[in-house]
Amino acid sequence: MKLVSSDFVEGQMLPATFTCDGEGQSPHLAWSDAPQDVQSFALRCHDPDAPSGNFDHWMVANIPATVREIPRNGPLPVGSLQIMNDSGQAPYCPPCPPSGIHRYIFTLYALNVPTLPAVKQDNFLVLVEAHLLGSATLTGRYQRQRPY
């Protein structure tokens, strides 16, 4: 699988509009070359450079198998389910690193089930891994532009 964005390039800096220094919009994401037997997709954006060691910014399950992109700032496809993230909310939590440059890894998972039953933040990755057919990542980086 391949995951791309019209809003940023792999390994490059995220534009401020997708962060706490801008509008906090979620970026456009598109994918291709999914496994033939995919029944749904799941999405995760996390920061492995967070002071806690990892911070989940966005988790979405039950993205229909027919979908191949999410537009900038949504809406999410009908049937999709946003999961509570580490900020205590379900929508996209824009990057806002406390210091230095952080990586924001968007991972798309192709799954062999149409939905992940009873999915929550604490079991999201366990359920994804149990039904995984393939995955793709796209990484953006960000450093605060304003004093914090």
Protein backbone atom coordinates (compact mmCIF):
# COMPACT_ATOMS: atom_id res chain seq x y z
CA MET A 1 0.00 0.00 0.00
CA LYS A 2 1.01 3.59 -0.48
CA LEU A 3 -0.15 6.56 1.65
CA VAL A 4 0.31 10.12 0.36
CA SER A 5 -0.97 13.64 0.98
CA SER A 6 -1.47 16.65 -1.23
CA ASP A 7 -0.68 18.76 1.85
CA PHE A 8 2.81 17.52 2.79
CA VAL A 9 5.58 15.28 1.52
CA GLU A 10 7.08 12.27 3.33
CA GLY A 11 9.67 13.39 5.90
CA GLN A 12 9.10 17.11 5.35
CA MET A 13 7.75 19.74 7.72
CA LEU A 14 3.98 19.93 8.18
CA PRO A 15 2.45 23.26 7.15
CA ALA A 16 1.29 25.22 10.22
CA THR A 17 -2.37 24.98 9.14
CA PHE A 18 -2.37 21.36 10.37
CA THR A 19 -0.94 22.25 13.80
CA CYS A 20 -1.83 24.22 16.93
CA ASP A 21 0.01 27.21 15.43
CA GLY A 22 -2.54 27.31 12.59
CA GLU A 23 -6.11 26.20 12.07
CA GLY A 24 -5.53 22.69 13.42
CA GLN A 25 -7.00 21.05 10.33
CA SER A 26 -6.43 17.40 9.55
CA PRO A 27 -4.41 16.94 6.34
CA HIS A 28 -5.60 15.33 3.13
CA LEU A 29 -4.68 11.64 2.97
CA ALA A 30 -4.99 9.30 -0.02
CA TRP A 31 -3.97 5.68 -0.52
CA SER A 32 -3.57 3.13 -3.25
CA ASP A 33 -2.55 -0.49 -3.82
CA ALA A 34 -4.68 -1.89 -1.00
CA PRO A 35 -4.88 -5.68 -0.63
CA GLN A 36 -7.69 -7.18 -2.76
CA ASP A 37 -9.45 -8.74 0.21
CA VAL A 38 -9.54 -5.58 2.36
CA GLN A 39 -12.85 -5.12 4.18
CA SER A 40 -12.09 -1.85 6.01
CA PHE A 41 -9.32 0.55 6.92
CA ALA A 42 -8.14 2.11 10.16
CA LEU A 43 -5.97 5.18 10.61
CA ARG A 44 -3.64 6.36 13.34
CA CYS A 45 -1.48 9.45 13.74
CA HIS A 46 0.99 9.38 16.60
CA ASP A 47 4.04 11.28 17.86
CA PRO A 48 6.81 8.91 18.98
CA ASP A 49 8.89 11.91 20.15
CA ALA A 50 6.39 13.07 22.79
CA PRO A 51 7.69 13.50 26.36
CA SER A 52 5.54 10.49 27.38
CA GLY A 53 7.24 8.39 24.69
CA ASN A 54 4.21 8.29 22.44
CA PHE A 55 1.14 10.45 21.89
CA ASP A 56 -1.84 9.38 19.80
CA HIS A 57 -3.23 12.38 17.90
CA TRP A 58 -5.88 10.67 15.79
CA MET A 59 -7.39 7.20 15.56
CA VAL A 60 -10.14 6.26 13.14
CA ALA A 61 -11.67 2.80 12.65
CA ASN A 62 -14.25 1.31 10.31
CA ILE A 63 -13.30 3.31 7.22
CA PRO A 64 -15.17 1.55 4.39
CA ALA A 65 -13.11 -0.61 2.02
CA THR A 66 -14.27 1.43 -0.98
CA VAL A 67 -12.75 4.67 0.35
CA ARG A 68 -9.34 5.79 -0.96
CA GLU A 69 -8.96 9.25 0.57
CA ILE A 70 -9.93 11.59 3.36
CA PRO A 71 -10.17 15.26 2.36
CA ARG A 72 -8.39 18.03 4.23
CA ASN A 73 -10.30 18.72 7.46
CA GLY A 74 -12.82 15.97 6.66
CA PRO A 75 -15.49 14.99 6.64
CA LEU A 76 -14.67 11.41 7.44
CA PRO A 77 -16.39 8.74 5.34
CA VAL A 78 -19.84 7.62 6.48
CA GLY A 79 -19.49 4.72 8.92
CA SER A 80 -16.06 5.77 10.17
CA LEU A 81 -15.53 5.90 13.92
CA GLN A 82 -13.12 8.30 15.60
CA ILE A 83 -11.53 6.88 18.76
CA MET A 84 -10.62 8.91 21.86
CA ASN A 85 -7.00 10.08 21.54
CA ASP A 86 -4.40 11.05 24.14
CA SER A 87 -5.78 14.60 24.37
CA GLY A 88 -9.04 13.13 25.67
CA GLN A 89 -11.04 13.91 22.53
CA ALA A 90 -12.03 11.96 19.46
CA PRO A 91 -11.35 14.40 16.62
CA TYR A 92 -7.92 15.06 15.14
CA CYS A 93 -5.63 16.64 17.75
CA PRO A 94 -3.23 18.97 15.90
CA PRO A 95 0.52 18.66 16.54
CA CYS A 96 1.78 21.04 19.23
CA PRO A 97 5.20 19.80 20.35
CA PRO A 98 6.52 21.32 23.60
CA SER A 99 10.07 21.60 22.24
CA GLY A 100 12.18 20.56 19.29
CA ILE A 101 11.15 18.83 16.09
CA HIS A 102 8.71 15.94 16.47
CA ARG A 103 7.64 13.30 13.96
CA TYR A 104 3.95 12.72 13.22
CA ILE A 105 3.43 9.29 11.74
CA PHE A 106 0.18 8.67 9.88
CA THR A 107 -0.39 4.93 9.49
CA LEU A 108 -3.15 3.43 7.39
CA TYR A 109 -4.08 -0.18 8.13
CA ALA A 110 -5.92 -2.51 5.73
CA LEU A 111 -8.10 -4.91 7.70
CA ASN A 112 -9.85 -8.22 7.00
CA VAL A 113 -13.05 -7.26 8.86
CA PRO A 114 -15.67 -4.63 7.98
CA THR A 115 -15.67 -3.16 11.50
CA LEU A 116 -13.62 -3.40 14.67
CA PRO A 117 -16.12 -4.35 17.40
CA ALA A 118 -15.93 -2.51 20.73
CA VAL A 119 -12.84 -0.60 19.63
CA LYS A 120 -11.46 1.93 22.14
CA GLN A 121 -8.15 3.70 22.63
CA ASP A 122 -6.71 0.97 24.86
CA ASN A 123 -7.47 -1.88 22.43
CA PHE A 124 -7.19 -0.11 19.05
CA LEU A 125 -3.73 -1.45 18.15
CA VAL A 126 -4.47 -4.94 19.48
CA LEU A 127 -7.59 -5.21 17.31
CA VAL A 128 -5.83 -3.70 14.30
CA GLU A 129 -2.94 -6.16 14.58
CA ALA A 130 -5.37 -9.11 14.92
CA HIS A 131 -7.01 -8.21 11.58
CA LEU A 132 -4.11 -6.67 9.66
CA LEU A 133 -3.63 -7.35 5.95
CA GLY A 134 -1.14 -4.55 5.30
CA SER A 135 -0.18 -1.01 6.23
CA ALA A 136 1.41 2.15 4.90
CA THR A 137 2.91 5.17 6.64
CA LEU A 138 3.44 8.83 5.90
CA THR A 139 5.56 10.94 8.24
CA GLY A 140 5.52 14.69 8.67
CA ARG A 141 7.65 16.69 11.08
CA TYR A 142 6.90 19.84 13.05
CA GLN A 143 8.51 22.34 15.40
CA ARG A 144 6.56 25.16 17.07
CA GLN A 145 6.79 28.48 15.27
CA ARG A 146 5.57 30.60 18.16
CA PRO A 147 7.02 30.91 21.66
CA TYR A 148 5.42 28.44 24.04
